[in-house]
N, C-alpha and C. Protein backbone atom coordinates (compact mmCIF):
# COMPACT_ATOMS: atom_id res chain seq x y z
N UNK A 1 138.23 115.65 108.16
CA UNK A 1 139.44 115.71 108.08
C UNK A 1 139.62 116.70 108.99
N UNK A 2 138.88 117.78 108.03
CA UNK A 2 139.42 119.25 109.02
C UNK A 2 138.67 119.44 109.99
N UNK A 3 137.62 119.48 110.15
CA UNK A 3 136.25 119.01 111.62
C UNK A 3 137.59 118.45 112.33
N UNK A 4 138.15 117.28 112.27
CA UNK A 4 138.41 116.40 113.01
C UNK A 4 139.79 117.27 114.01
N UNK A 5 140.73 117.24 112.81
CA UNK A 5 141.46 118.67 113.00
C UNK A 5 141.75 120.22 114.45
N UNK A 6 140.37 120.60 113.85
CA UNK A 6 139.90 121.51 114.45
C UNK A 6 139.98 121.15 115.90
N UNK A 7 138.77 120.29 116.10
CA UNK A 7 138.10 119.63 117.73
C UNK A 7 139.41 119.44 118.26
N UNK A 8 140.33 118.39 117.52
CA UNK A 8 141.77 117.93 118.79
C UNK A 8 142.29 118.86 118.89
N UNK A 9 142.59 119.96 117.40
CA UNK A 9 143.31 121.08 117.93
C UNK A 9 142.87 121.45 119.43
N UNK A 10 141.86 122.02 119.81
CA UNK A 10 141.07 122.85 120.51
C UNK A 10 141.01 121.42 121.71
N UNK A 11 141.01 120.57 121.62
CA UNK A 11 141.10 119.96 122.81
C UNK A 11 142.80 119.54 123.49
N UNK A 12 143.38 119.28 122.06
CA UNK A 12 144.99 119.43 123.08
C UNK A 12 145.36 120.93 123.41
N UNK A 13 144.66 121.81 123.23
CA UNK A 13 145.53 123.28 123.05
C UNK A 13 144.41 123.31 124.99
N UNK A 14 143.75 123.00 125.48
CA UNK A 14 142.45 123.01 125.89
C UNK A 14 142.84 122.15 127.32
N UNK A 15 142.51 121.09 126.96
CA UNK A 15 142.59 119.42 127.81
C UNK A 15 143.29 118.85 127.15
N UNK A 16 144.32 118.22 127.20
CA UNK A 16 145.80 117.67 126.82
C UNK A 16 145.75 116.65 127.29
N UNK A 17 146.15 115.15 127.42
CA UNK A 17 146.20 114.58 127.75
C UNK A 17 147.04 114.59 129.25
N UNK A 18 146.57 114.30 130.26
CA UNK A 18 147.66 114.26 131.49
C UNK A 18 148.60 113.72 131.32
N UNK A 19 148.41 112.24 131.07
CA UNK A 19 149.81 111.59 131.50
C UNK A 19 150.33 111.14 129.96
N UNK A 20 151.85 111.17 130.19
CA UNK A 20 152.16 110.48 128.96
C UNK A 20 152.01 108.94 129.08
N UNK A 21 151.22 108.46 127.57
CA UNK A 21 151.00 106.60 127.18
C UNK A 21 150.79 106.99 125.36
N UNK A 22 151.24 105.77 125.57
CA UNK A 22 151.08 104.82 124.09
C UNK A 22 150.13 105.12 123.41
N UNK A 23 148.87 105.47 124.12
CA UNK A 23 147.38 105.27 123.43
C UNK A 23 146.74 106.31 122.67
N UNK A 24 147.01 107.34 123.54
CA UNK A 24 146.17 108.89 123.07
C UNK A 24 147.11 110.31 122.89
N UNK A 25 147.21 110.88 122.14
CA UNK A 25 148.01 112.14 121.87
C UNK A 25 148.95 112.20 120.98
N UNK A 26 149.73 112.87 120.79
CA UNK A 26 151.06 112.69 119.96
C UNK A 26 152.19 112.27 121.06
N UNK A 27 152.43 111.17 119.93
CA UNK A 27 153.01 110.26 120.61
C UNK A 27 154.05 109.70 119.56
N UNK A 28 155.00 110.61 120.03
CA UNK A 28 156.27 110.28 119.08
C UNK A 28 157.09 110.01 119.72
N UNK A 29 158.41 109.21 119.87
CA UNK A 29 159.72 109.00 120.68
C UNK A 29 160.04 110.37 122.04
N UNK A 30 160.37 111.20 120.76
CA UNK A 30 161.03 112.51 121.31
C UNK A 30 159.59 113.49 122.49
N UNK A 31 158.43 113.29 121.82
CA UNK A 31 157.19 114.05 122.86
C UNK A 31 157.07 113.28 124.11
N UNK A 32 157.78 112.02 123.78
CA UNK A 32 157.37 110.77 125.59
C UNK A 32 158.14 110.55 125.87
N UNK A 33 159.36 111.42 125.98
CA UNK A 33 160.55 111.31 126.99
C UNK A 33 160.39 111.61 128.43
N UNK A 34 159.17 112.98 128.56
CA UNK A 34 158.96 113.20 130.17
C UNK A 34 157.41 113.62 130.07
N UNK A 35 157.17 114.13 130.89
CA UNK A 35 156.18 115.74 131.23
C UNK A 35 155.76 116.50 130.19
N UNK A 36 157.31 116.69 130.47
CA UNK A 36 157.73 117.85 130.05
C UNK A 36 157.52 118.48 128.33
N UNK A 37 158.54 117.36 127.88
CA UNK A 37 158.16 117.50 126.25
C UNK A 37 156.45 117.03 126.10
N UNK A 38 156.10 116.31 126.68
CA UNK A 38 155.00 115.57 126.46
C UNK A 38 153.85 116.89 126.29
N UNK A 39 153.70 117.62 127.05
CA UNK A 39 152.62 118.77 127.14
C UNK A 39 153.51 119.97 126.53
N UNK A 40 154.67 120.54 125.98
CA UNK A 40 154.50 121.01 125.10
C UNK A 40 154.60 120.58 123.82
N UNK A 41 154.58 119.09 123.50
CA UNK A 41 153.81 118.73 121.94
C UNK A 41 152.46 118.58 121.69
N UNK A 42 152.23 118.90 122.35
CA UNK A 42 150.41 119.20 122.83
C UNK A 42 150.19 120.52 122.26
N UNK A 43 150.73 121.20 123.45
CA UNK A 43 150.11 122.56 122.85
C UNK A 43 150.43 123.15 121.63
N UNK A 44 151.69 122.82 121.31
CA UNK A 44 152.19 122.82 119.95
C UNK A 44 151.61 122.15 119.06
N UNK A 45 150.88 121.16 119.35
CA UNK A 45 150.45 120.49 118.34
C UNK A 45 149.36 120.56 118.14
N UNK A 46 148.44 121.27 119.41
CA UNK A 46 147.02 121.76 119.00
C UNK A 46 147.12 123.00 118.49
N UNK A 47 148.09 123.44 118.35
CA UNK A 47 148.13 124.90 116.96
C UNK A 47 147.94 124.85 115.91
N UNK A 48 148.60 123.78 115.75
CA UNK A 48 149.06 123.39 114.21
C UNK A 48 148.21 122.95 113.84
N UNK A 49 147.10 122.17 114.51
CA UNK A 49 146.07 121.20 113.90
C UNK A 49 144.94 122.68 114.09
N UNK A 50 144.90 123.74 115.05
CA UNK A 50 143.88 124.28 114.58
C UNK A 50 143.82 125.58 113.45
N UNK A 51 144.99 125.56 113.13
CA UNK A 51 145.29 126.28 111.85
C UNK A 51 145.65 125.76 111.04
N UNK A 52 145.98 124.14 110.41
CA UNK A 52 145.92 123.19 109.78
C UNK A 52 144.24 123.15 109.34
N UNK A 53 143.10 122.58 110.27
CA UNK A 53 141.93 122.41 109.95
C UNK A 53 141.25 124.22 109.41
N UNK A 54 141.46 124.81 110.21
CA UNK A 54 140.85 126.03 110.18
C UNK A 54 140.90 126.62 108.59
N UNK A 55 142.31 126.15 107.59
CA UNK A 55 142.55 126.14 106.82
C UNK A 55 142.11 125.28 105.71
N UNK A 56 142.11 123.72 105.96
CA UNK A 56 141.87 122.91 105.01
C UNK A 56 140.07 122.91 104.92
N UNK A 57 139.41 123.17 106.12
CA UNK A 57 138.07 123.30 106.10
C UNK A 57 137.05 124.17 104.64
N UNK A 58 137.45 125.11 104.95
CA UNK A 58 137.33 125.71 103.62
C UNK A 58 137.68 125.87 102.79
N UNK A 59 138.48 125.39 102.10
CA UNK A 59 139.33 124.88 101.02
C UNK A 59 138.50 123.70 100.80
N UNK A 60 138.04 122.40 101.69
CA UNK A 60 137.66 120.72 101.17
C UNK A 60 136.71 121.47 101.31
N UNK A 61 135.55 122.37 101.34
CA UNK A 61 134.07 122.92 101.18
C UNK A 61 134.13 123.48 99.29
N UNK A 62 135.22 124.03 99.36
CA UNK A 62 135.32 124.88 98.33
C UNK A 62 135.42 123.78 96.90
N UNK A 63 136.54 123.19 96.98
CA UNK A 63 136.36 122.09 95.96
C UNK A 63 135.66 120.90 96.00
N UNK A 64 135.12 120.72 97.03
CA UNK A 64 133.54 119.66 96.80
C UNK A 64 132.85 120.38 95.91
N UNK A 65 132.79 121.78 96.34
CA UNK A 65 131.42 122.58 95.53
C UNK A 65 131.80 122.12 94.04
N UNK A 66 132.74 122.14 93.59
CA UNK A 66 132.81 121.82 92.01
C UNK A 66 133.13 120.64 91.25
N UNK A 67 132.66 119.66 92.36
CA UNK A 67 131.87 118.07 92.08
C UNK A 67 130.17 118.28 92.28
N UNK A 68 129.55 119.26 92.94
CA UNK A 68 128.20 119.40 92.61
C UNK A 68 127.66 119.11 91.82
N UNK A 69 126.65 117.90 91.32
CA UNK A 69 125.78 117.54 90.48
C UNK A 69 126.66 117.23 89.31
N UNK A 70 128.20 116.50 89.11
CA UNK A 70 128.65 115.95 88.40
C UNK A 70 128.15 114.38 88.31
N UNK A 71 128.68 113.77 87.50
CA UNK A 71 128.79 112.28 87.14
C UNK A 71 128.86 111.30 88.92
N UNK A 72 128.96 110.73 89.03
CA UNK A 72 129.30 109.49 90.27
C UNK A 72 131.32 109.45 90.14
N UNK A 73 131.08 109.45 89.28
CA UNK A 73 132.97 108.91 89.32
C UNK A 73 133.55 109.95 88.91
N UNK A 74 132.94 111.01 88.45
CA UNK A 74 134.03 112.51 88.91
C UNK A 74 133.91 112.32 90.34
N UNK A 75 132.38 113.14 90.73
CA UNK A 75 132.44 112.61 92.35
C UNK A 75 133.79 112.40 93.19
N UNK A 76 133.60 111.25 92.83
CA UNK A 76 134.36 109.89 93.91
C UNK A 76 135.62 110.05 93.60
N UNK A 77 135.99 110.43 92.53
CA UNK A 77 137.67 110.58 91.78
C UNK A 77 137.96 111.95 92.24
N UNK A 78 137.03 112.84 92.26
CA UNK A 78 137.28 114.17 93.13
C UNK A 78 137.88 114.07 94.02
N UNK A 79 136.84 113.33 95.50
CA UNK A 79 136.89 112.72 96.41
C UNK A 79 138.36 112.32 97.22
N UNK A 80 138.38 111.67 96.31
CA UNK A 80 139.93 110.67 96.49
C UNK A 80 140.41 111.51 96.34
N UNK A 81 140.92 112.63 95.46
CA UNK A 81 142.46 113.68 95.50
C UNK A 81 142.02 114.68 96.79
N UNK A 82 140.83 115.45 97.06
CA UNK A 82 140.97 115.63 98.31
C UNK A 82 141.18 115.14 99.18
N UNK A 83 140.68 113.71 99.57
CA UNK A 83 140.96 113.35 100.97
C UNK A 83 142.65 112.72 100.88
N UNK A 84 143.44 112.80 99.70
CA UNK A 84 144.78 112.24 99.81
C UNK A 84 145.36 113.92 99.84
N UNK A 85 145.15 114.80 99.24
CA UNK A 85 145.68 116.04 100.24
C UNK A 85 145.23 116.05 101.62
N UNK A 86 144.05 115.73 102.33
CA UNK A 86 144.34 116.17 103.87
C UNK A 86 144.96 115.19 104.31
N UNK A 87 145.24 113.81 103.64
CA UNK A 87 145.75 113.02 104.44
C UNK A 87 147.53 113.76 104.89
N UNK A 88 147.89 114.21 103.14
CA UNK A 88 148.91 114.99 103.20
C UNK A 88 149.14 115.70 104.37
N UNK A 89 148.18 116.41 104.62
CA UNK A 89 147.93 117.83 105.30
C UNK A 89 148.41 117.18 106.67
N UNK A 90 147.34 116.05 107.09
CA UNK A 90 147.36 115.30 108.29
C UNK A 90 148.86 115.30 108.74
N UNK A 91 149.42 114.26 107.50
CA UNK A 91 150.77 113.81 108.24
C UNK A 91 151.76 115.12 108.03
N UNK A 92 151.57 115.90 107.24
CA UNK A 92 152.63 116.88 107.66
C UNK A 92 152.69 118.28 108.57
N UNK A 93 151.44 117.63 109.31
CA UNK A 93 151.58 118.57 110.44
C UNK A 93 152.59 117.93 112.07
N UNK A 94 152.79 116.34 111.60
CA UNK A 94 153.80 116.19 112.68
C UNK A 94 155.09 116.80 112.51
N UNK A 95 155.41 117.40 111.48
CA UNK A 95 157.08 118.09 111.26
C UNK A 95 157.37 119.11 112.56
N UNK A 96 156.74 119.83 111.53
CA UNK A 96 156.71 121.46 112.84
C UNK A 96 156.76 120.73 114.04
N UNK A 97 155.76 120.31 114.40
CA UNK A 97 155.98 119.91 116.10
C UNK A 97 157.47 118.89 116.47
N UNK A 98 157.94 118.00 115.61
CA UNK A 98 159.10 117.42 115.73
C UNK A 98 160.26 118.36 116.11
N UNK A 99 160.25 119.48 114.78
CA UNK A 99 161.13 120.43 114.92
C UNK A 99 161.55 121.36 116.14
N UNK A 100 160.17 121.68 116.72
CA UNK A 100 159.95 122.54 117.75
C UNK A 100 160.72 122.09 118.93
N UNK A 101 160.50 120.12 119.22
CA UNK A 101 160.46 119.52 120.20
C UNK A 101 162.15 119.45 119.81
N UNK A 102 162.56 119.47 118.79
CA UNK A 102 164.49 119.21 118.74
C UNK A 102 165.12 120.26 119.04
N UNK A 103 164.63 121.44 118.83
CA UNK A 103 164.80 122.62 119.20
C UNK A 103 164.57 123.05 120.68
N UNK A 104 163.59 123.14 121.27
CA UNK A 104 163.47 122.78 122.75
C UNK A 104 164.22 122.16 123.81
N UNK A 105 164.27 120.87 123.28
CA UNK A 105 164.76 119.86 124.53
C UNK A 105 165.96 119.08 123.52
N UNK A 106 166.92 118.45 124.20
CA UNK A 106 167.80 117.89 123.93
C UNK A 106 167.62 116.60 124.21
N UNK A 107 168.26 115.26 123.49
CA UNK A 107 167.83 114.15 123.14
C UNK A 107 167.59 113.18 124.46
N UNK A 108 167.26 113.96 125.88
CA UNK A 108 167.28 113.16 126.70
C UNK A 108 165.97 113.95 127.38
N UNK A 109 165.21 114.96 126.36
CA UNK A 109 163.90 115.73 126.97
C UNK A 109 164.58 116.71 128.14
N UNK A 110 166.03 116.91 128.06
CA UNK A 110 165.71 118.65 128.81
C UNK A 110 165.76 119.51 128.12
N UNK A 111 164.87 120.58 128.70
CA UNK A 111 165.21 122.11 128.21
C UNK A 111 166.78 122.37 127.56
N UNK A 112 166.55 123.01 126.56
CA UNK A 112 167.83 123.73 126.18
C UNK A 112 167.82 124.65 126.79
N UNK A 113 169.27 125.65 127.00
CA UNK A 113 169.42 126.33 127.74
C UNK A 113 169.23 127.59 126.39
């Protein structure tokens, strides 16, 4: 998961989806208002994912090293915990971008002065 966040963080920063669409990208009601909100959301979300991926990847490797050579059940439970934390981070990355959108744009997708 952290590796995917790193890769898509780079993709969203360098080559975000060009058109507002309901299939691929950071798709929230606010981000899909218009092209300006769409582009802003992807630049912001790309940075957030790049940072989150860069932080969680080494932490994941370190956490999994603790389970090396342990019993299969221990590795399984440890992996579930690590994946749970990764999912929490993944979901948690939505909120900073939503906050940034609300600070930057009004309810109609127009930039605030």
